[in-house]
């Protein structure tokens, strides 16, 4: 088979002339081909180094999208945990206190969450730290929801067993919101407004106008009415189940010792008798002989509208 003949255009003669290869031409041709190959390899390497292969670019974009989704999920789980933490706080410090059930506590709610062995394999993944963090958050949310669901079921069972007890537990404010000017003093340590010394305040002071109605905060029996040193005119109610409430600095007492009263029934009027700097009601909740913070016993399962309606109904009895 004859070799293929190549031609080249000659500008001087305006004709195509056959290409004649000589042995001297081969080294030059080889170097030209080798140089072209090297330059191509260098160009490809530069492109891959700075831009990567199409597959690498696809993986990079996919990884960025995955990381963005994990970050969004992490924020959503954090928000859900914050809401749940508030529910847990009220459960331990209000609902379970009222039902005389022991608080569950943080250790029980988070049991097993800090087991590092559960997440060891996740750390070997790309973005292992982020994946592990989000997985821990989801596990914590799942565990806490399970415990909270168990707690609420337990409280429902206790409520069914103790319907009568719930009627007696002090569970509302003794002064209506619409009559209340402000909370003048809360439970705990404070500077006494008269002596100027740091003293422990056993109740909550509701600032209101003289003559504003004061209501029983739970079904009870009146065990004391009269004057007590420092307290002025006082009413003590025994609710049973270990609960006693005290209403002090009254202007007027509307009940008698031995009388049975219902939650929401008017028992007196706000005043400024005894050791007082102005018209207000001093209110205490005493459980098994020890004062406790009354703030945990306001508006138990009642909206403000239901509260006012209950007071009106009790007043008409």
C-alpha atoms as a PDB file:
ATOM      1  CA  UNK A   1       0.000   0.000   0.000  1.00  0.00           C
ATOM      2  CA  UNK A   2       1.465   3.344  -1.026  1.00  0.00           C
ATOM      3  CA  UNK A   3       2.088   6.026   1.537  1.00  0.00           C
ATOM      4  CA  UNK A   4      -0.380   8.872   1.710  1.00  0.00           C
ATOM      5  CA  UNK A   5       0.904  11.983  -0.034  1.00  0.00           C
ATOM      6  CA  UNK A   6       0.557  15.379   1.792  1.00  0.00           C
ATOM      7  CA  UNK A   7       0.569  18.749   0.064  1.00  0.00           C
ATOM      8  CA  UNK A   8       1.351  22.292   1.129  1.00  0.00           C
ATOM      9  CA  UNK A   9       0.281  25.554  -0.535  1.00  0.00           C
ATOM     10  CA  UNK A  10       3.092  27.684  -2.014  1.00  0.00           C
ATOM     11  CA  UNK A  11       2.202  31.401  -1.878  1.00  0.00           C
ATOM     12  CA  UNK A  12       4.844  32.345  -4.408  1.00  0.00           C
ATOM     13  CA  UNK A  13       3.678  29.985  -7.150  1.00  0.00           C
ATOM     14  CA  UNK A  14       0.023  29.866  -5.996  1.00  0.00           C
ATOM     15  CA  UNK A  15       0.102  26.083  -6.346  1.00  0.00           C
ATOM     16  CA  UNK A  16      -0.034  23.047  -4.026  1.00  0.00           C
ATOM     17  CA  UNK A  17       3.281  21.230  -3.897  1.00  0.00           C
ATOM     18  CA  UNK A  18       3.878  17.754  -2.490  1.00  0.00           C
ATOM     19  CA  UNK A  19       5.480  17.609   0.988  1.00  0.00           C
ATOM     20  CA  UNK A  20       8.792  15.855   0.927  1.00  0.00           C
ATOM     21  CA  UNK A  21       9.912  14.442   4.275  1.00  0.00           C
ATOM     22  CA  UNK A  22      13.539  14.108   5.032  1.00  0.00           C
ATOM     23  CA  UNK A  23      15.273  12.437   7.941  1.00  0.00           C
ATOM     24  CA  UNK A  24      16.283  15.871   9.229  1.00  0.00           C
ATOM     25  CA  UNK A  25      12.626  16.776   9.683  1.00  0.00           C
ATOM     26  CA  UNK A  26      11.760  13.922  12.083  1.00  0.00           C
ATOM     27  CA  UNK A  27      13.541  15.222  15.213  1.00  0.00           C
ATOM     28  CA  UNK A  28      11.783  18.565  14.829  1.00  0.00           C
ATOM     29  CA  UNK A  29       8.425  16.892  14.343  1.00  0.00           C
ATOM     30  CA  UNK A  30       8.976  14.691  17.410  1.00  0.00           C
ATOM     31  CA  UNK A  31       9.894  17.713  19.583  1.00  0.00           C
ATOM     32  CA  UNK A  32       6.867  19.616  18.337  1.00  0.00           C
ATOM     33  CA  UNK A  33       4.576  16.697  19.167  1.00  0.00           C
ATOM     34  CA  UNK A  34       6.233  16.145  22.553  1.00  0.00           C
ATOM     35  CA  UNK A  35       5.988  19.863  23.396  1.00  0.00           C
ATOM     36  CA  UNK A  36       2.329  19.897  22.453  1.00  0.00           C
ATOM     37  CA  UNK A  37       1.690  16.876  24.683  1.00  0.00           C
ATOM     38  CA  UNK A  38       3.534  18.453  27.637  1.00  0.00           C
ATOM     39  CA  UNK A  39       1.727  21.781  27.261  1.00  0.00           C
ATOM     40  CA  UNK A  40      -1.623  19.974  27.059  1.00  0.00           C
ATOM     41  CA  UNK A  41      -0.822  17.975  30.200  1.00  0.00           C
ATOM     42  CA  UNK A  42       0.197  21.160  32.053  1.00  0.00           C
ATOM     43  CA  UNK A  43      -2.979  22.952  30.936  1.00  0.00           C
ATOM     44  CA  UNK A  44      -5.164  20.054  32.076  1.00  0.00           C
ATOM     45  CA  UNK A  45      -3.376  19.923  35.436  1.00  0.00           C
ATOM     46  CA  UNK A  46      -3.844  23.662  35.990  1.00  0.00           C
ATOM     47  CA  UNK A  47      -7.550  23.438  35.152  1.00  0.00           C
ATOM     48  CA  UNK A  48      -8.043  20.499  37.563  1.00  0.00           C
ATOM     49  CA  UNK A  49      -6.001  22.193  40.294  1.00  0.00           C
ATOM     50  CA  UNK A  50      -7.931  25.469  40.272  1.00  0.00           C
ATOM     51  CA  UNK A  51     -11.352  24.339  39.093  1.00  0.00           C
ATOM     52  CA  UNK A  52     -11.474  20.602  39.746  1.00  0.00           C
ATOM     53  CA  UNK A  53     -13.182  18.010  37.674  1.00  0.00           C
ATOM     54  CA  UNK A  54     -16.903  18.296  36.893  1.00  0.00           C
ATOM     55  CA  UNK A  55     -17.481  15.416  39.316  1.00  0.00           C
ATOM     56  CA  UNK A  56     -15.510  17.179  42.062  1.00  0.00           C
ATOM     57  CA  UNK A  57     -17.470  20.372  41.478  1.00  0.00           C
ATOM     58  CA  UNK A  58     -20.737  18.436  41.726  1.00  0.00           C
ATOM     59  CA  UNK A  59     -19.636  16.866  45.018  1.00  0.00           C
ATOM     60  CA  UNK A  60     -18.565  20.266  46.367  1.00  0.00           C
ATOM     61  CA  UNK A  61     -21.952  21.842  45.600  1.00  0.00           C
ATOM     62  CA  UNK A  62     -23.791  18.854  47.021  1.00  0.00           C
ATOM     63  CA  UNK A  63     -21.713  19.072  50.221  1.00  0.00           C
ATOM     64  CA  UNK A  64     -22.461  22.783  50.605  1.00  0.00           C
ATOM     65  CA  UNK A  65     -26.193  22.161  50.179  1.00  0.00           C
ATOM     66  CA  UNK A  66     -26.083  19.334  52.720  1.00  0.00           C
ATOM     67  CA  UNK A  67     -24.246  21.518  55.233  1.00  0.00           C
ATOM     68  CA  UNK A  68     -26.791  24.319  54.743  1.00  0.00           C
ATOM     69  CA  UNK A  69     -29.649  21.872  55.377  1.00  0.00           C
ATOM     70  CA  UNK A  70     -27.958  20.601  58.547  1.00  0.00           C
ATOM     71  CA  UNK A  71     -27.523  24.169  59.786  1.00  0.00           C
ATOM     72  CA  UNK A  72     -31.221  24.928  59.189  1.00  0.00           C
ATOM     73  CA  UNK A  73     -32.222  21.676  60.920  1.00  0.00           C
ATOM     74  CA  UNK A  74     -29.948  22.505  63.854  1.00  0.00           C
ATOM     75  CA  UNK A  75     -31.598  25.904  64.348  1.00  0.00           C
ATOM     76  CA  UNK A  76     -35.086  24.377  64.171  1.00  0.00           C
ATOM     77  CA  UNK A  77     -34.206  21.707  66.724  1.00  0.00           C
ATOM     78  CA  UNK A  78     -32.712  24.394  69.007  1.00  0.00           C
ATOM     79  CA  UNK A  79     -35.968  26.372  68.797  1.00  0.00           C
ATOM     80  CA  UNK A  80     -38.002  23.267  69.618  1.00  0.00           C
ATOM     81  CA  UNK A  81     -35.721  22.459  72.569  1.00  0.00           C
ATOM     82  CA  UNK A  82     -36.139  26.008  73.918  1.00  0.00           C
ATOM     83  CA  UNK A  83     -39.944  25.664  73.867  1.00  0.00           C
ATOM     84  CA  UNK A  84     -39.746  22.232  75.457  1.00  0.00           C
ATOM     85  CA  UNK A  85     -37.382  23.497  78.160  1.00  0.00           C
ATOM     86  CA  UNK A  86     -39.949  26.123  79.152  1.00  0.00           C
ATOM     87  CA  UNK A  87     -42.642  23.423  79.387  1.00  0.00           C
ATOM     88  CA  UNK A  88     -40.316  21.262  81.483  1.00  0.00           C
ATOM     89  CA  UNK A  89     -39.590  24.150  83.851  1.00  0.00           C
ATOM     90  CA  UNK A  90     -43.308  24.750  84.434  1.00  0.00           C
ATOM     91  CA  UNK A  91     -43.867  21.019  84.795  1.00  0.00           C
ATOM     92  CA  UNK A  92     -41.236  20.640  87.542  1.00  0.00           C
ATOM     93  CA  UNK A  93     -41.939  23.924  89.320  1.00  0.00           C
ATOM     94  CA  UNK A  94     -45.692  24.299  88.933  1.00  0.00           C
ATOM     95  CA  UNK A  95     -47.711  21.312  87.752  1.00  0.00           C
ATOM     96  CA  UNK A  96     -45.825  18.691  89.739  1.00  0.00           C
ATOM     97  CA  UNK A  97     -45.612  20.967  92.774  1.00  0.00           C
ATOM     98  CA  UNK A  98     -49.374  21.444  92.794  1.00  0.00           C
ATOM     99  CA  UNK A  99     -49.948  17.697  92.394  1.00  0.00           C
ATOM    100  CA  UNK A 100     -47.372  16.961  95.122  1.00  0.00           C
ATOM    101  CA  UNK A 101     -45.317  14.902  92.681  1.00  0.00           C
ATOM    102  CA  UNK A 102     -41.529  14.988  92.811  1.00  0.00           C
ATOM    103  CA  UNK A 103     -39.884  17.023  90.026  1.00  0.00           C
ATOM    104  CA  UNK A 104     -38.263  14.927  87.325  1.00  0.00           C
ATOM    105  CA  UNK A 105     -35.075  16.967  87.032  1.00  0.00           C
ATOM    106  CA  UNK A 106     -32.508  17.482  84.310  1.00  0.00           C
ATOM    107  CA  UNK A 107     -30.500  14.293  84.890  1.00  0.00           C
ATOM    108  CA  UNK A 108     -33.483  12.036  84.298  1.00  0.00           C
ATOM    109  CA  UNK A 109     -34.666  14.022  81.289  1.00  0.00           C
ATOM    110  CA  UNK A 110     -31.225  13.854  79.611  1.00  0.00           C
ATOM    111  CA  UNK A 111     -30.257  10.309  80.651  1.00  0.00           C
ATOM    112  CA  UNK A 112     -28.159   8.585  77.977  1.00  0.00           C
ATOM    113  CA  UNK A 113     -27.729  11.638  75.778  1.00  0.00           C
ATOM    114  CA  UNK A 114     -24.028  12.107  76.630  1.00  0.00           C
ATOM    115  CA  UNK A 115     -22.988   8.583  75.634  1.00  0.00           C
ATOM    116  CA  UNK A 116     -20.109   9.408  73.263  1.00  0.00           C
ATOM    117  CA  UNK A 117     -19.891   5.829  71.936  1.00  0.00           C
ATOM    118  CA  UNK A 118     -23.258   6.281  70.226  1.00  0.00           C
ATOM    119  CA  UNK A 119     -21.825   8.978  67.978  1.00  0.00           C
ATOM    120  CA  UNK A 120     -18.269   7.649  67.350  1.00  0.00           C
ATOM    121  CA  UNK A 121     -19.033   6.394  63.831  1.00  0.00           C
ATOM    122  CA  UNK A 122     -20.622   9.690  62.846  1.00  0.00           C
ATOM    123  CA  UNK A 123     -17.375  11.561  63.533  1.00  0.00           C
ATOM    124  CA  UNK A 124     -15.709   9.635  60.684  1.00  0.00           C
ATOM    125  CA  UNK A 125     -18.121  11.078  58.135  1.00  0.00           C
ATOM    126  CA  UNK A 126     -17.499  14.207  56.124  1.00  0.00           C
ATOM    127  CA  UNK A 127     -18.827  17.098  58.230  1.00  0.00           C
ATOM    128  CA  UNK A 128     -18.745  14.616  61.098  1.00  0.00           C
ATOM    129  CA  UNK A 129     -18.799  17.264  63.807  1.00  0.00           C
ATOM    130  CA  UNK A 130     -21.888  18.960  62.366  1.00  0.00           C
ATOM    131  CA  UNK A 131     -23.709  15.663  61.789  1.00  0.00           C
ATOM    132  CA  UNK A 132     -22.887  14.510  65.327  1.00  0.00           C
ATOM    133  CA  UNK A 133     -24.081  17.795  66.862  1.00  0.00           C
ATOM    134  CA  UNK A 134     -27.413  17.690  65.030  1.00  0.00           C
ATOM    135  CA  UNK A 135     -27.896  13.994  65.853  1.00  0.00           C
ATOM    136  CA  UNK A 136     -27.287  14.726  69.548  1.00  0.00           C
ATOM    137  CA  UNK A 137     -29.848  17.545  69.429  1.00  0.00           C
ATOM    138  CA  UNK A 138     -32.465  15.325  67.776  1.00  0.00           C
ATOM    139  CA  UNK A 139     -31.794  12.541  70.292  1.00  0.00           C
ATOM    140  CA  UNK A 140     -32.135  15.034  73.153  1.00  0.00           C
ATOM    141  CA  UNK A 141     -35.421  16.355  71.745  1.00  0.00           C
ATOM    142  CA  UNK A 142     -36.764  12.821  71.287  1.00  0.00           C
ATOM    143  CA  UNK A 143     -35.725  11.766  74.806  1.00  0.00           C
ATOM    144  CA  UNK A 144     -37.106  14.910  76.466  1.00  0.00           C
ATOM    145  CA  UNK A 145     -40.429  14.630  74.601  1.00  0.00           C
ATOM    146  CA  UNK A 146     -40.771  11.021  75.749  1.00  0.00           C
ATOM    147  CA  UNK A 147     -40.137  11.952  79.404  1.00  0.00           C
ATOM    148  CA  UNK A 148     -42.475  14.956  79.218  1.00  0.00           C
ATOM    149  CA  UNK A 149     -45.238  12.839  77.711  1.00  0.00           C
ATOM    150  CA  UNK A 150     -44.785  10.339  80.560  1.00  0.00           C
ATOM    151  CA  UNK A 151     -44.918  13.178  83.104  1.00  0.00           C
ATOM    152  CA  UNK A 152     -48.153  14.609  81.704  1.00  0.00           C
ATOM    153  CA  UNK A 153     -49.765  11.164  81.668  1.00  0.00           C
ATOM    154  CA  UNK A 154     -48.775  10.734  85.299  1.00  0.00           C
ATOM    155  CA  UNK A 155     -50.246  14.122  86.209  1.00  0.00           C
ATOM    156  CA  UNK A 156     -53.507  13.305  84.414  1.00  0.00           C
ATOM    157  CA  UNK A 157     -53.786  10.097  86.441  1.00  0.00           C
ATOM    158  CA  UNK A 158     -53.116  12.028  89.660  1.00  0.00           C
ATOM    159  CA  UNK A 159     -55.728  14.615  88.690  1.00  0.00           C
ATOM    160  CA  UNK A 160     -58.378  11.938  88.182  1.00  0.00           C
ATOM    161  CA  UNK A 161     -57.506  10.440  91.549  1.00  0.00           C
ATOM    162  CA  UNK A 162     -57.557  13.774  93.362  1.00  0.00           C
ATOM    163  CA  UNK A 163     -60.422  15.837  91.983  1.00  0.00           C
ATOM    164  CA  UNK A 164     -61.478  16.871  95.479  1.00  0.00           C
ATOM    165  CA  UNK A 165     -57.938  17.846  96.371  1.00  0.00           C
ATOM    166  CA  UNK A 166     -57.687  20.077  93.311  1.00  0.00           C
ATOM    167  CA  UNK A 167     -60.719  22.039  94.474  1.00  0.00           C
ATOM    168  CA  UNK A 168     -58.959  22.827  97.737  1.00  0.00           C
ATOM    169  CA  UNK A 169     -55.441  23.623  96.486  1.00  0.00           C
ATOM    170  CA  UNK A 170     -54.885  27.434  96.368  1.00  0.00           C
ATOM    171  CA  UNK A 171     -54.712  27.972  92.628  1.00  0.00           C
ATOM    172  CA  UNK A 172     -55.713  31.538  91.706  1.00  0.00           C
ATOM    173  CA  UNK A 173     -54.770  35.119  92.556  1.00  0.00           C
ATOM    174  CA  UNK A 174     -56.571  36.529  95.608  1.00  0.00           C
ATOM    175  CA  UNK A 175     -56.995  39.890  93.792  1.00  0.00           C
ATOM    176  CA  UNK A 176     -58.382  40.235  90.277  1.00  0.00           C
ATOM    177  CA  UNK A 177     -56.062  41.553  87.601  1.00  0.00           C
ATOM    178  CA  UNK A 178     -58.370  44.452  86.797  1.00  0.00           C
ATOM    179  CA  UNK A 179     -58.177  45.618  90.455  1.00  0.00           C
ATOM    180  CA  UNK A 180     -54.448  45.095  90.756  1.00  0.00           C
ATOM    181  CA  UNK A 181     -52.107  48.088  90.467  1.00  0.00           C
ATOM    182  CA  UNK A 182     -48.892  46.097  90.662  1.00  0.00           C
ATOM    183  CA  UNK A 183     -47.034  43.396  92.533  1.00  0.00           C
ATOM    184  CA  UNK A 184     -45.508  45.524  95.288  1.00  0.00           C
ATOM    185  CA  UNK A 185     -43.212  42.843  96.692  1.00  0.00           C
ATOM    186  CA  UNK A 186     -42.442  39.251  95.769  1.00  0.00           C
ATOM    187  CA  UNK A 187     -41.535  36.173  97.788  1.00  0.00           C
ATOM    188  CA  UNK A 188     -38.007  35.960  99.207  1.00  0.00           C
ATOM    189  CA  UNK A 189     -35.325  38.308 100.473  1.00  0.00           C
ATOM    190  CA  UNK A 190     -35.984  42.051 100.207  1.00  0.00           C
ATOM    191  CA  UNK A 191     -35.270  45.417 101.853  1.00  0.00           C
ATOM    192  CA  UNK A 192     -38.046  46.042 104.366  1.00  0.00           C
ATOM    193  CA  UNK A 193     -39.851  49.282 103.376  1.00  0.00           C
ATOM    194  CA  UNK A 194     -40.239  50.321 107.024  1.00  0.00           C
ATOM    195  CA  UNK A 195     -37.057  49.156 108.795  1.00  0.00           C
ATOM    196  CA  UNK A 196     -34.792  49.451 105.737  1.00  0.00           C
ATOM    197  CA  UNK A 197     -33.184  46.138 106.691  1.00  0.00           C
ATOM    198  CA  UNK A 198     -32.771  43.034 104.552  1.00  0.00           C
ATOM    199  CA  UNK A 199     -35.521  40.620 105.628  1.00  0.00           C
ATOM    200  CA  UNK A 200     -37.236  37.534 104.282  1.00  0.00           C
ATOM    201  CA  UNK A 201     -40.681  38.148 102.834  1.00  0.00           C
ATOM    202  CA  UNK A 202     -42.952  35.121 103.257  1.00  0.00           C
ATOM    203  CA  UNK A 203     -45.536  36.054 100.661  1.00  0.00           C
ATOM    204  CA  UNK A 204     -46.507  38.387  97.831  1.00  0.00           C
ATOM    205  CA  UNK A 205     -47.873  41.926  98.245  1.00  0.00           C
ATOM    206  CA  UNK A 206     -50.639  42.973  95.842  1.00  0.00           C
ATOM    207  CA  UNK A 207     -50.963  46.744  95.615  1.00  0.00           C
ATOM    208  CA  UNK A 208     -54.635  47.773  95.162  1.00  0.00           C
ATOM    209  CA  UNK A 209     -57.065  50.420  96.317  1.00  0.00           C
ATOM    210  CA  UNK A 210     -58.613  50.203  99.741  1.00  0.00           C
ATOM    211  CA  UNK A 211     -61.870  48.240  99.644  1.00  0.00           C
ATOM    212  CA  UNK A 212     -60.938  46.096  96.615  1.00  0.00           C
ATOM    213  CA  UNK A 213     -62.368  42.543  97.076  1.00  0.00           C
ATOM    214  CA  UNK A 214     -60.132  39.727  98.289  1.00  0.00           C
ATOM    215  CA  UNK A 215     -61.043  36.176  97.217  1.00  0.00           C
ATOM    216  CA  UNK A 216     -60.395  32.705  98.641  1.00  0.00           C
ATOM    217  CA  UNK A 217     -57.914  30.923  96.389  1.00  0.00           C
ATOM    218  CA  UNK A 218     -59.314  27.448  97.034  1.00  0.00           C
ATOM    219  CA  UNK A 219     -62.073  25.637  98.919  1.00  0.00           C
ATOM    220  CA  UNK A 220     -61.292  25.879 102.628  1.00  0.00           C
ATOM    221  CA  UNK A 221     -62.415  26.353 106.229  1.00  0.00           C
ATOM    222  CA  UNK A 222     -61.793  29.675 107.998  1.00  0.00           C
ATOM    223  CA  UNK A 223     -59.492  28.950 110.957  1.00  0.00           C
ATOM    224  CA  UNK A 224     -58.689  32.503 112.107  1.00  0.00           C
ATOM    225  CA  UNK A 225     -60.081  36.005 111.708  1.00  0.00           C
ATOM    226  CA  UNK A 226     -58.835  38.971 113.669  1.00  0.00           C
ATOM    227  CA  UNK A 227     -55.748  41.026 114.481  1.00  0.00           C
ATOM    228  CA  UNK A 228     -52.164  39.760 114.405  1.00  0.00           C
ATOM    229  CA  UNK A 229     -49.112  41.784 115.325  1.00  0.00           C
ATOM    230  CA  UNK A 230     -47.531  43.225 112.185  1.00  0.00           C
ATOM    231  CA  UNK A 231     -50.185  41.662 109.912  1.00  0.00           C
ATOM    232  CA  UNK A 232     -53.107  43.830 111.010  1.00  0.00           C
ATOM    233  CA  UNK A 233     -56.482  42.294 110.177  1.00  0.00           C
ATOM    234  CA  UNK A 234     -55.919  38.706 109.036  1.00  0.00           C
ATOM    235  CA  UNK A 235     -57.821  35.745 107.643  1.00  0.00           C
ATOM    236  CA  UNK A 236     -56.300  32.241 107.741  1.00  0.00           C
ATOM    237  CA  UNK A 237     -57.847  29.488 105.604  1.00  0.00           C
ATOM    238  CA  UNK A 238     -57.174  25.776 106.024  1.00  0.00           C
ATOM    239  CA  UNK A 239     -57.545  24.071 102.638  1.00  0.00           C
ATOM    240  CA  UNK A 240     -56.678  20.608 103.853  1.00  0.00           C
ATOM    241  CA  UNK A 241     -54.061  18.414 102.159  1.00  0.00           C
ATOM    242  CA  UNK A 242     -51.392  20.376 104.045  1.00  0.00           C
ATOM    243  CA  UNK A 243     -52.263  23.814 102.584  1.00  0.00           C
ATOM    244  CA  UNK A 244     -53.013  27.024 104.524  1.00  0.00           C
ATOM    245  CA  UNK A 245     -53.362  30.530 103.061  1.00  0.00           C
ATOM    246  CA  UNK A 246     -53.081  33.857 104.862  1.00  0.00           C
ATOM    247  CA  UNK A 247     -54.582  37.225 103.819  1.00  0.00           C
ATOM    248  CA  UNK A 248     -53.234  40.210 105.777  1.00  0.00           C
ATOM    249  CA  UNK A 249     -53.471  44.030 106.158  1.00  0.00           C
ATOM    250  CA  UNK A 250     -57.213  43.812 105.406  1.00  0.00           C
ATOM    251  CA  UNK A 251     -59.588  46.754 105.673  1.00  0.00           C
ATOM    252  CA  UNK A 252     -62.569  44.498 106.329  1.00  0.00           C
ATOM    253  CA  UNK A 253     -63.172  40.817 107.091  1.00  0.00           C
ATOM    254  CA  UNK A 254     -66.293  39.281 105.485  1.00  0.00           C
ATOM    255  CA  UNK A 255     -66.151  35.732 106.952  1.00  0.00           C
ATOM    256  CA  UNK A 256     -66.215  34.091 110.388  1.00  0.00           C
ATOM    257  CA  UNK A 257     -64.091  31.432 112.029  1.00  0.00           C
ATOM    258  CA  UNK A 258     -65.395  27.934 111.228  1.00  0.00           C
ATOM    259  CA  UNK A 259     -67.115  29.056 108.016  1.00  0.00           C
ATOM    260  CA  UNK A 260     -66.662  26.990 104.825  1.00  0.00           C
ATOM    261  CA  UNK A 261     -65.673  29.013 101.745  1.00  0.00           C
ATOM    262  CA  UNK A 262     -65.270  28.173  98.067  1.00  0.00           C
ATOM    263  CA  UNK A 263     -62.588  29.150  95.604  1.00  0.00           C
ATOM    264  CA  UNK A 264     -63.427  32.603  94.189  1.00  0.00           C
ATOM    265  CA  UNK A 265     -65.649  33.606  97.113  1.00  0.00           C
ATOM    266  CA  UNK A 266     -65.066  37.113  98.550  1.00  0.00           C
ATOM    267  CA  UNK A 267     -63.682  36.884 102.089  1.00  0.00           C
ATOM    268  CA  UNK A 268     -62.497  40.444 102.760  1.00  0.00           C
ATOM    269  CA  UNK A 269     -61.288  43.775 101.403  1.00  0.00           C
ATOM    270  CA  UNK A 270     -57.836  45.222 100.728  1.00  0.00           C
ATOM    271  CA  UNK A 271     -56.653  47.640 103.388  1.00  0.00           C
ATOM    272  CA  UNK A 272     -53.580  49.004 105.164  1.00  0.00           C
ATOM    273  CA  UNK A 273     -53.936  47.692 108.717  1.00  0.00           C
ATOM    274  CA  UNK A 274     -50.947  46.652 110.808  1.00  0.00           C
ATOM    275  CA  UNK A 275     -47.375  47.195 109.622  1.00  0.00           C
ATOM    276  CA  UNK A 276     -48.105  48.756 106.243  1.00  0.00           C
ATOM    277  CA  UNK A 277     -47.042  51.717 104.131  1.00  0.00           C
ATOM    278  CA  UNK A 278     -50.135  51.727 101.892  1.00  0.00           C
ATOM    279  CA  UNK A 279     -53.178  49.795 100.790  1.00  0.00           C
ATOM    280  CA  UNK A 280     -52.222  46.305  99.714  1.00  0.00           C
ATOM    281  CA  UNK A 281     -52.882  42.613 100.365  1.00  0.00           C
ATOM    282  CA  UNK A 282     -50.159  40.443 101.844  1.00  0.00           C
ATOM    283  CA  UNK A 283     -50.808  36.866 100.680  1.00  0.00           C
ATOM    284  CA  UNK A 284     -49.058  33.709 101.871  1.00  0.00           C
ATOM    285  CA  UNK A 285     -49.251  30.045 100.870  1.00  0.00           C
ATOM    286  CA  UNK A 286     -48.134  27.677 103.631  1.00  0.00           C
ATOM    287  CA  UNK A 287     -47.573  23.999 102.884  1.00  0.00           C
ATOM    288  CA  UNK A 288     -46.961  21.570 105.719  1.00  0.00           C
ATOM    289  CA  UNK A 289     -45.921  24.373 108.007  1.00  0.00           C
ATOM    290  CA  UNK A 290     -43.509  26.106 105.597  1.00  0.00           C
ATOM    291  CA  UNK A 291     -44.201  29.122 103.393  1.00  0.00           C
ATOM    292  CA  UNK A 292     -43.727  28.607  99.659  1.00  0.00           C
ATOM    293  CA  UNK A 293     -43.756  31.005  96.711  1.00  0.00           C
ATOM    294  CA  UNK A 294     -47.429  31.765  95.866  1.00  0.00           C
ATOM    295  CA  UNK A 295     -46.512  32.626  92.280  1.00  0.00           C
ATOM    296  CA  UNK A 296     -46.569  28.877  91.529  1.00  0.00           C
ATOM    297  CA  UNK A 297     -50.281  28.759  92.362  1.00  0.00           C
ATOM    298  CA  UNK A 298     -51.802  31.450  90.126  1.00  0.00           C
ATOM    299  CA  UNK A 299     -54.189  30.781  87.250  1.00  0.00           C
ATOM    300  CA  UNK A 300     -54.050  27.007  87.450  1.00  0.00           C
ATOM    301  CA  UNK A 301     -55.671  25.896  84.170  1.00  0.00           C
ATOM    302  CA  UNK A 302     -57.717  29.126  84.069  1.00  0.00           C
ATOM    303  CA  UNK A 303     -57.699  31.954  81.559  1.00  0.00           C
ATOM    304  CA  UNK A 304     -58.298  35.487  82.912  1.00  0.00           C
ATOM    305  CA  UNK A 305     -61.822  35.369  81.444  1.00  0.00           C
ATOM    306  CA  UNK A 306     -62.574  32.046  83.156  1.00  0.00           C
ATOM    307  CA  UNK A 307     -61.130  33.433  86.386  1.00  0.00           C
ATOM    308  CA  UNK A 308     -63.420  36.496  86.384  1.00  0.00           C
ATOM    309  CA  UNK A 309     -66.440  34.356  85.477  1.00  0.00           C
ATOM    310  CA  UNK A 310     -65.670  31.939  88.314  1.00  0.00           C
ATOM    311  CA  UNK A 311     -65.452  34.811  90.815  1.00  0.00           C
ATOM    312  CA  UNK A 312     -68.784  36.225  89.662  1.00  0.00           C
ATOM    313  CA  UNK A 313     -70.429  32.827  89.986  1.00  0.00           C
ATOM    314  CA  UNK A 314     -68.977  32.298  93.460  1.00  0.00           C
ATOM    315  CA  UNK A 315     -70.172  35.766  94.553  1.00  0.00           C
ATOM    316  CA  UNK A 316     -73.753  34.917  93.537  1.00  0.00           C
ATOM    317  CA  UNK A 317     -73.856  31.710  95.596  1.00  0.00           C
END
